[in-house]
Every structure is written in structure tokens, then in C-alpha cells.
Amino acid sequence: MAYTIIVHMLNEDPLMAQMETLPDNSATNIVCTDVRRRDGKAVHFITQGVSTVIFPMHRIHFVEVLTSEAERGEVLEFFRE
């Protein structure tokens, strides 16, 4: 199962990407595919046609993991009518 993530890098705009597995506590880098800006446009510092990018952890501030459509259907959301 691929995870959709938002990578917050130091001194850069957040990037959206896909990851096959989440990194563990001892990871020194993360491997991402389909890297793009949050609005879907290409990232200016990644060469066009690149499919996989490896980011070192010392350049990453934090990573957000987005829920999938299947997981979103399992969660009960409370709202007021």
C-alpha cells in the first residue's frame, strides 16, 4: 500500500509524494515517488522525468501522512446539522 505524504523540507515549500513504506526511527533518508508541489505542479529543483527521489532526513523538518479514501470511509466524523 502506497502512502500519500506531504514532506516539509527546510527552507522549501512543502512537497507532496508517494511512499511505499513509512520510515522507521533509525532512517537516514526517505524514498519518494511521484514528487510534486501540493497544487500538482512540477518541482523546480527536480529534473523532469525523474520517477524516484531520495531525500536525506537532515533536510526534512517533518512528514505528514494523508489518509487514503478507504481509511477515510472507516472513520466516523461527527457534524452538526
PDB file of N, CA and C in Angstrom:
ATOM      1  N   MET A   1       0.837  -1.173   0.000  1.00  0.00           N
ATOM      2  CA  MET A   1       0.000   0.000   0.000  1.00  0.00           C
ATOM      3  C   MET A   1       0.887   1.242   0.000  1.00  0.00           C
ATOM      4  N   ALA A   2       0.668   2.099  -0.937  1.00  0.00           N
ATOM      5  CA  ALA A   2       1.439   3.339  -1.011  1.00  0.00           C
ATOM      6  C   ALA A   2       0.786   4.392  -0.124  1.00  0.00           C
ATOM      7  N   TYR A   3       1.615   5.186   0.520  1.00  0.00           N
ATOM      8  CA  TYR A   3       1.162   6.271   1.373  1.00  0.00           C
ATOM      9  C   TYR A   3       1.343   7.587   0.632  1.00  0.00           C
ATOM     10  N   THR A   4       0.358   8.458   0.709  1.00  0.00           N
ATOM     11  CA  THR A   4       0.499   9.812   0.196  1.00  0.00           C
ATOM     12  C   THR A   4       0.974  10.675   1.347  1.00  0.00           C
ATOM     13  N   ILE A   5       2.075  11.401   1.117  1.00  0.00           N
ATOM     14  CA  ILE A   5       2.681  12.187   2.187  1.00  0.00           C
ATOM     15  C   ILE A   5       2.897  13.625   1.735  1.00  0.00           C
ATOM     16  N   ILE A   6       3.057  14.498   2.701  1.00  0.00           N
ATOM     17  CA  ILE A   6       3.497  15.876   2.457  1.00  0.00           C
ATOM     18  C   ILE A   6       4.804  16.041   3.213  1.00  0.00           C
ATOM     19  N   VAL A   7       5.878  16.339   2.475  1.00  0.00           N
ATOM     20  CA  VAL A   7       7.213  16.484   3.050  1.00  0.00           C
ATOM     21  C   VAL A   7       7.485  17.969   3.256  1.00  0.00           C
ATOM     22  N   HIS A   8       7.781  18.347   4.488  1.00  0.00           N
ATOM     23  CA  HIS A   8       8.135  19.732   4.810  1.00  0.00           C
ATOM     24  C   HIS A   8       9.651  19.797   4.956  1.00  0.00           C
ATOM     25  N   MET A   9      10.304  20.322   3.928  1.00  0.00           N
ATOM     26  CA  MET A   9      11.756  20.424   3.920  1.00  0.00           C
ATOM     27  C   MET A   9      12.187  21.783   4.443  1.00  0.00           C
ATOM     28  N   LEU A  10      13.396  21.857   4.950  1.00  0.00           N
ATOM     29  CA  LEU A  10      13.930  23.113   5.455  1.00  0.00           C
ATOM     30  C   LEU A  10      14.110  24.108   4.312  1.00  0.00           C
ATOM     31  N   ASN A  11      13.609  25.310   4.479  1.00  0.00           N
ATOM     32  CA  ASN A  11      13.739  26.420   3.523  1.00  0.00           C
ATOM     33  C   ASN A  11      13.154  26.118   2.137  1.00  0.00           C
ATOM     34  N   GLU A  12      12.159  25.251   2.061  1.00  0.00           N
ATOM     35  CA  GLU A  12      11.476  24.941   0.803  1.00  0.00           C
ATOM     36  C   GLU A  12       9.978  24.869   1.056  1.00  0.00           C
ATOM     37  N   ASP A  13       9.195  25.000  -0.013  1.00  0.00           N
ATOM     38  CA  ASP A  13       7.759  24.793   0.087  1.00  0.00           C
ATOM     39  C   ASP A  13       7.471  23.304   0.292  1.00  0.00           C
ATOM     40  N   PRO A  14       6.365  22.966   0.947  1.00  0.00           N
ATOM     41  CA  PRO A  14       6.026  21.549   1.144  1.00  0.00           C
ATOM     42  C   PRO A  14       5.815  20.843  -0.189  1.00  0.00           C
ATOM     43  N   LEU A  15       6.190  19.564  -0.223  1.00  0.00           N
ATOM     44  CA  LEU A  15       6.053  18.741  -1.414  1.00  0.00           C
ATOM     45  C   LEU A  15       5.124  17.572  -1.124  1.00  0.00           C
ATOM     46  N   MET A  16       4.357  17.170  -2.125  1.00  0.00           N
ATOM     47  CA  MET A  16       3.506  16.000  -1.999  1.00  0.00           C
ATOM     48  C   MET A  16       4.179  14.857  -2.749  1.00  0.00           C
ATOM     49  N   ALA A  17       4.095  13.647  -2.198  1.00  0.00           N
ATOM     50  CA  ALA A  17       4.757  12.497  -2.822  1.00  0.00           C
ATOM     51  C   ALA A  17       4.076  11.210  -2.381  1.00  0.00           C
ATOM     52  N   GLN A  18       4.563  10.106  -2.918  1.00  0.00           N
ATOM     53  CA  GLN A  18       4.107   8.766  -2.550  1.00  0.00           C
ATOM     54  C   GLN A  18       5.275   8.012  -1.924  1.00  0.00           C
ATOM     55  N   MET A  19       4.978   7.177  -0.922  1.00  0.00           N
ATOM     56  CA  MET A  19       5.985   6.310  -0.296  1.00  0.00           C
ATOM     57  C   MET A  19       5.410   4.914  -0.176  1.00  0.00           C
ATOM     58  N   GLU A  20       6.227   3.894  -0.412  1.00  0.00           N
ATOM     59  CA  GLU A  20       5.779   2.508  -0.260  1.00  0.00           C
ATOM     60  C   GLU A  20       5.693   2.108   1.207  1.00  0.00           C
ATOM     61  N   THR A  21       6.705   2.495   1.998  1.00  0.00           N
ATOM     62  CA  THR A  21       6.711   2.199   3.426  1.00  0.00           C
ATOM     63  C   THR A  21       7.107   3.455   4.187  1.00  0.00           C
ATOM     64  N   LEU A  22       6.602   3.576   5.387  1.00  0.00           N
ATOM     65  CA  LEU A  22       6.962   4.718   6.219  1.00  0.00           C
ATOM     66  C   LEU A  22       8.328   4.472   6.844  1.00  0.00           C
ATOM     67  N   PRO A  23       9.125   5.528   7.031  1.00  0.00           N
ATOM     68  CA  PRO A  23      10.471   5.342   7.598  1.00  0.00           C
ATOM     69  C   PRO A  23      10.400   4.985   9.085  1.00  0.00           C
ATOM     70  N   ASP A  24      11.388   4.218   9.549  1.00  0.00           N
ATOM     71  CA  ASP A  24      11.457   3.900  10.972  1.00  0.00           C
ATOM     72  C   ASP A  24      12.299   4.954  11.691  1.00  0.00           C
ATOM     73  N   ASN A  25      12.481   4.776  12.990  1.00  0.00           N
ATOM     74  CA  ASN A  25      13.198   5.774  13.794  1.00  0.00           C
ATOM     75  C   ASN A  25      14.658   5.929  13.411  1.00  0.00           C
ATOM     76  N   SER A  26      15.276   4.898  12.863  1.00  0.00           N
ATOM     77  CA  SER A  26      16.698   4.958  12.532  1.00  0.00           C
ATOM     78  C   SER A  26      16.962   5.312  11.068  1.00  0.00           C
ATOM     79  N   ALA A  27      15.943   5.703  10.317  1.00  0.00           N
ATOM     80  CA  ALA A  27      16.113   6.010   8.896  1.00  0.00           C
ATOM     81  C   ALA A  27      16.964   7.258   8.713  1.00  0.00           C
ATOM     82  N   THR A  28      17.856   7.217   7.737  1.00  0.00           N
ATOM     83  CA  THR A  28      18.694   8.373   7.419  1.00  0.00           C
ATOM     84  C   THR A  28      18.211   9.096   6.163  1.00  0.00           C
ATOM     85  N   ASN A  29      17.270   8.473   5.435  1.00  0.00           N
ATOM     86  CA  ASN A  29      16.696   9.107   4.256  1.00  0.00           C
ATOM     87  C   ASN A  29      15.315   8.519   3.995  1.00  0.00           C
ATOM     88  N   ILE A  30      14.558   9.169   3.111  1.00  0.00           N
ATOM     89  CA  ILE A  30      13.270   8.636   2.685  1.00  0.00           C
ATOM     90  C   ILE A  30      13.257   8.556   1.166  1.00  0.00           C
ATOM     91  N   VAL A  31      12.599   7.536   0.653  1.00  0.00           N
ATOM     92  CA  VAL A  31      12.497   7.313  -0.788  1.00  0.00           C
ATOM     93  C   VAL A  31      11.073   7.654  -1.206  1.00  0.00           C
ATOM     94  N   CYS A  32      10.940   8.613  -2.125  1.00  0.00           N
ATOM     95  CA  CYS A  32       9.629   9.094  -2.565  1.00  0.00           C
ATOM     96  C   CYS A  32       9.487   8.932  -4.075  1.00  0.00           C
ATOM     97  N   THR A  33       8.272   8.693  -4.508  1.00  0.00           N
ATOM     98  CA  THR A  33       7.954   8.659  -5.938  1.00  0.00           C
ATOM     99  C   THR A  33       6.877   9.689  -6.209  1.00  0.00           C
ATOM    100  N   ASP A  34       6.726  10.051  -7.467  1.00  0.00           N
ATOM    101  CA  ASP A  34       5.696  10.998  -7.908  1.00  0.00           C
ATOM    102  C   ASP A  34       5.743  12.293  -7.088  1.00  0.00           C
ATOM    103  N   VAL A  35       6.911  12.892  -6.995  1.00  0.00           N
ATOM    104  CA  VAL A  35       7.094  14.119  -6.208  1.00  0.00           C
ATOM    105  C   VAL A  35       6.560  15.310  -7.000  1.00  0.00           C
ATOM    106  N   ARG A  36       5.746  16.121  -6.320  1.00  0.00           N
ATOM    107  CA  ARG A  36       5.138  17.293  -6.947  1.00  0.00           C
ATOM    108  C   ARG A  36       4.838  18.321  -5.864  1.00  0.00           C
ATOM    109  N   ARG A  37       4.504  19.524  -6.276  1.00  0.00           N
ATOM    110  CA  ARG A  37       4.056  20.534  -5.317  1.00  0.00           C
ATOM    111  C   ARG A  37       2.637  20.183  -4.890  1.00  0.00           C
ATOM    112  N   ARG A  38       2.163  20.814  -3.836  1.00  0.00           N
ATOM    113  CA  ARG A  38       0.819  20.488  -3.343  1.00  0.00           C
ATOM    114  C   ARG A  38      -0.272  20.824  -4.345  1.00  0.00           C
ATOM    115  N   ASP A  39      -0.027  21.767  -5.244  1.00  0.00           N
ATOM    116  CA  ASP A  39      -1.019  22.099  -6.268  1.00  0.00           C
ATOM    117  C   ASP A  39      -0.883  21.232  -7.517  1.00  0.00           C
ATOM    118  N   GLY A  40       0.030  20.245  -7.503  1.00  0.00           N
ATOM    119  CA  GLY A  40       0.188  19.310  -8.609  1.00  0.00           C
ATOM    120  C   GLY A  40       1.214  19.710  -9.646  1.00  0.00           C
ATOM    121  N   LYS A  41       1.804  20.887  -9.517  1.00  0.00           N
ATOM    122  CA  LYS A  41       2.801  21.353 -10.490  1.00  0.00           C
ATOM    123  C   LYS A  41       4.155  20.707 -10.218  1.00  0.00           C
ATOM    124  N   ALA A  42       5.040  20.803 -11.207  1.00  0.00           N
ATOM    125  CA  ALA A  42       6.377  20.216 -11.089  1.00  0.00           C
ATOM    126  C   ALA A  42       7.223  20.993 -10.081  1.00  0.00           C
ATOM    127  N   VAL A  43       8.161  20.290  -9.463  1.00  0.00           N
ATOM    128  CA  VAL A  43       9.080  20.902  -8.502  1.00  0.00           C
ATOM    129  C   VAL A  43      10.264  21.467  -9.276  1.00  0.00           C
ATOM    130  N   HIS A  44      10.656  22.716  -8.990  1.00  0.00           N
ATOM    131  CA  HIS A  44      11.668  23.394  -9.796  1.00  0.00           C
ATOM    132  C   HIS A  44      13.068  22.793  -9.657  1.00  0.00           C
ATOM    133  N   PHE A  45      13.391  22.129  -8.544  1.00  0.00           N
ATOM    134  CA  PHE A  45      14.743  21.600  -8.366  1.00  0.00           C
ATOM    135  C   PHE A  45      14.866  20.114  -8.695  1.00  0.00           C
ATOM    136  N   ILE A  46      13.802  19.505  -9.220  1.00  0.00           N
ATOM    137  CA  ILE A  46      13.854  18.098  -9.639  1.00  0.00           C
ATOM    138  C   ILE A  46      13.762  18.052 -11.156  1.00  0.00           C
ATOM    139  N   THR A  47      14.684  17.344 -11.778  1.00  0.00           N
ATOM    140  CA  THR A  47      14.736  17.245 -13.228  1.00  0.00           C
ATOM    141  C   THR A  47      13.487  16.555 -13.767  1.00  0.00           C
ATOM    142  N   GLN A  48      12.973  17.061 -14.879  1.00  0.00           N
ATOM    143  CA  GLN A  48      11.780  16.486 -15.491  1.00  0.00           C
ATOM    144  C   GLN A  48      12.053  15.040 -15.901  1.00  0.00           C
ATOM    145  N   GLY A  49      11.126  14.142 -15.613  1.00  0.00           N
ATOM    146  CA  GLY A  49      11.260  12.738 -15.959  1.00  0.00           C
ATOM    147  C   GLY A  49      11.784  11.865 -14.834  1.00  0.00           C
ATOM    148  N   VAL A  50      12.196  12.452 -13.722  1.00  0.00           N
ATOM    149  CA  VAL A  50      12.688  11.677 -12.580  1.00  0.00           C
ATOM    150  C   VAL A  50      11.499  11.007 -11.909  1.00  0.00           C
ATOM    151  N   SER A  51      11.615   9.699 -11.623  1.00  0.00           N
ATOM    152  CA  SER A  51      10.500   8.973 -11.025  1.00  0.00           C
ATOM    153  C   SER A  51      10.663   8.758  -9.522  1.00  0.00           C
ATOM    154  N   THR A  52      11.897   8.653  -9.038  1.00  0.00           N
ATOM    155  CA  THR A  52      12.148   8.386  -7.630  1.00  0.00           C
ATOM    156  C   THR A  52      13.172   9.377  -7.088  1.00  0.00           C
ATOM    157  N   VAL A  53      12.900   9.905  -5.891  1.00  0.00           N
ATOM    158  CA  VAL A  53      13.798  10.865  -5.262  1.00  0.00           C
ATOM    159  C   VAL A  53      14.105  10.375  -3.849  1.00  0.00           C
ATOM    160  N   ILE A  54      15.366  10.497  -3.444  1.00  0.00           N
ATOM    161  CA  ILE A  54      15.790  10.129  -2.094  1.00  0.00           C
ATOM    162  C   ILE A  54      16.170  11.410  -1.364  1.00  0.00           C
ATOM    163  N   PHE A  55      15.426  11.715  -0.307  1.00  0.00           N
ATOM    164  CA  PHE A  55      15.681  12.913   0.492  1.00  0.00           C
ATOM    165  C   PHE A  55      16.405  12.523   1.778  1.00  0.00           C
ATOM    166  N   PRO A  56      17.493  13.217   2.142  1.00  0.00           N
ATOM    167  CA  PRO A  56      18.150  12.942   3.430  1.00  0.00           C
ATOM    168  C   PRO A  56      17.317  13.513   4.581  1.00  0.00           C
ATOM    169  N   MET A  57      17.277  12.793   5.690  1.00  0.00           N
ATOM    170  CA  MET A  57      16.459  13.196   6.832  1.00  0.00           C
ATOM    171  C   MET A  57      16.930  14.516   7.456  1.00  0.00           C
ATOM    172  N   HIS A  58      18.211  14.859   7.322  1.00  0.00           N
ATOM    173  CA  HIS A  58      18.670  16.100   7.936  1.00  0.00           C
ATOM    174  C   HIS A  58      18.135  17.342   7.221  1.00  0.00           C
ATOM    175  N   ARG A  59      17.521  17.181   6.041  1.00  0.00           N
ATOM    176  CA  ARG A  59      16.915  18.295   5.310  1.00  0.00           C
ATOM    177  C   ARG A  59      15.402  18.359   5.513  1.00  0.00           C
ATOM    178  N   ILE A  60      14.834  17.396   6.240  1.00  0.00           N
ATOM    179  CA  ILE A  60      13.387  17.308   6.411  1.00  0.00           C
ATOM    180  C   ILE A  60      12.998  17.792   7.805  1.00  0.00           C
ATOM    181  N   HIS A  61      12.039  18.707   7.839  1.00  0.00           N
ATOM    182  CA  HIS A  61      11.536  19.213   9.114  1.00  0.00           C
ATOM    183  C   HIS A  61      10.537  18.219   9.703  1.00  0.00           C
ATOM    184  N   PHE A  62       9.515  17.845   8.923  1.00  0.00           N
ATOM    185  CA  PHE A  62       8.585  16.794   9.321  1.00  0.00           C
ATOM    186  C   PHE A  62       7.831  16.282   8.107  1.00  0.00           C
ATOM    187  N   VAL A  63       7.138  15.137   8.287  1.00  0.00           N
ATOM    188  CA  VAL A  63       6.392  14.486   7.212  1.00  0.00           C
ATOM    189  C   VAL A  63       4.962  14.274   7.687  1.00  0.00           C
ATOM    190  N   GLU A  64       4.002  14.677   6.859  1.00  0.00           N
ATOM    191  CA  GLU A  64       2.589  14.422   7.139  1.00  0.00           C
ATOM    192  C   GLU A  64       2.148  13.223   6.307  1.00  0.00           C
ATOM    193  N   VAL A  65       1.394  12.319   6.908  1.00  0.00           N
ATOM    194  CA  VAL A  65       0.861  11.158   6.199  1.00  0.00           C
ATOM    195  C   VAL A  65      -0.641  11.377   6.034  1.00  0.00           C
ATOM    196  N   LEU A  66      -1.100  11.426   4.781  1.00  0.00           N
ATOM    197  CA  LEU A  66      -2.516  11.646   4.493  1.00  0.00           C
ATOM    198  C   LEU A  66      -3.266  10.322   4.515  1.00  0.00           C
ATOM    199  N   THR A  67      -4.531  10.359   4.901  1.00  0.00           N
ATOM    200  CA  THR A  67      -5.342   9.146   4.920  1.00  0.00           C
ATOM    201  C   THR A  67      -5.821   8.827   3.509  1.00  0.00           C
ATOM    202  N   SER A  68      -5.974   7.547   3.236  1.00  0.00           N
ATOM    203  CA  SER A  68      -6.462   7.116   1.927  1.00  0.00           C
ATOM    204  C   SER A  68      -7.991   7.177   1.920  1.00  0.00           C
ATOM    205  N   GLU A  69      -8.577   7.016   0.751  1.00  0.00           N
ATOM    206  CA  GLU A  69     -10.039   7.029   0.638  1.00  0.00           C
ATOM    207  C   GLU A  69     -10.659   5.884   1.438  1.00  0.00           C
ATOM    208  N   ALA A  70     -10.020   4.709   1.442  1.00  0.00           N
ATOM    209  CA  ALA A  70     -10.538   3.563   2.193  1.00  0.00           C
ATOM    210  C   ALA A  70     -10.507   3.839   3.694  1.00  0.00           C
ATOM    211  N   GLU A  71      -9.408   4.407   4.181  1.00  0.00           N
ATOM    212  CA  GLU A  71      -9.311   4.737   5.601  1.00  0.00           C
ATOM    213  C   GLU A  71     -10.286   5.839   5.980  1.00  0.00           C
ATOM    214  N   ARG A  72     -10.495   6.789   5.093  1.00  0.00           N
ATOM    215  CA  ARG A  72     -11.400   7.897   5.365  1.00  0.00           C
ATOM    216  C   ARG A  72     -12.834   7.406   5.519  1.00  0.00           C
ATOM    217  N   GLY A  73     -13.197   6.338   4.787  1.00  0.00           N
ATOM    218  CA  GLY A  73     -14.539   5.774   4.897  1.00  0.00           C
ATOM    219  C   GLY A  73     -14.762   5.042   6.204  1.00  0.00           C
ATOM    220  N   GLU A  74     -13.695   4.563   6.839  1.00  0.00           N
ATOM    221  CA  GLU A  74     -13.810   3.834   8.095  1.00  0.00           C
ATOM    222  C   GLU A  74     -13.947   4.756   9.304  1.00  0.00           C
ATOM    223  N   VAL A  75     -13.525   6.001   9.166  1.00  0.00           N
ATOM    224  CA  VAL A  75     -13.535   6.936  10.281  1.00  0.00           C
ATOM    225  C   VAL A  75     -14.891   7.606  10.404  1.00  0.00           C
ATOM    226  N   LEU A  76     -15.445   7.608  11.601  1.00  0.00           N
ATOM    227  CA  LEU A  76     -16.702   8.295  11.838  1.00  0.00           C
ATOM    228  C   LEU A  76     -16.412   9.779  12.085  1.00  0.00           C
ATOM    229  N   GLU A  77     -17.075  10.613  11.332  1.00  0.00           N
ATOM    230  CA  GLU A  77     -16.912  12.038  11.513  1.00  0.00           C
ATOM    231  C   GLU A  77     -18.204  12.594  12.089  1.00  0.00           C
ATOM    232  N   PHE A  78     -18.080  13.382  13.120  1.00  0.00           N
ATOM    233  CA  PHE A  78     -19.242  13.958  13.767  1.00  0.00           C
ATOM    234  C   PHE A  78     -19.461  15.357  13.229  1.00  0.00           C
ATOM    235  N   PHE A  79     -20.695  15.675  12.945  1.00  0.00           N
ATOM    236  CA  PHE A  79     -21.029  17.002  12.451  1.00  0.00           C
ATOM    237  C   PHE A  79     -22.409  17.384  12.948  1.00  0.00           C
ATOM    238  N   ARG A  80     -22.687  18.633  12.903  1.00  0.00           N
ATOM    239  CA  ARG A  80     -23.950  19.156  13.372  1.00  0.00           C
ATOM    240  C   ARG A  80     -24.768  19.602  12.181  1.00  0.00           C
ATOM    241  N   GLU A  81     -26.066  19.243  12.183  1.00  0.00           N
ATOM    242  CA  GLU A  81     -26.944  19.664  11.099  1.00  0.00           C
ATOM    243  C   GLU A  81     -27.681  20.902  11.462  1.00  0.00           C
TER     244      GLU A  81
END
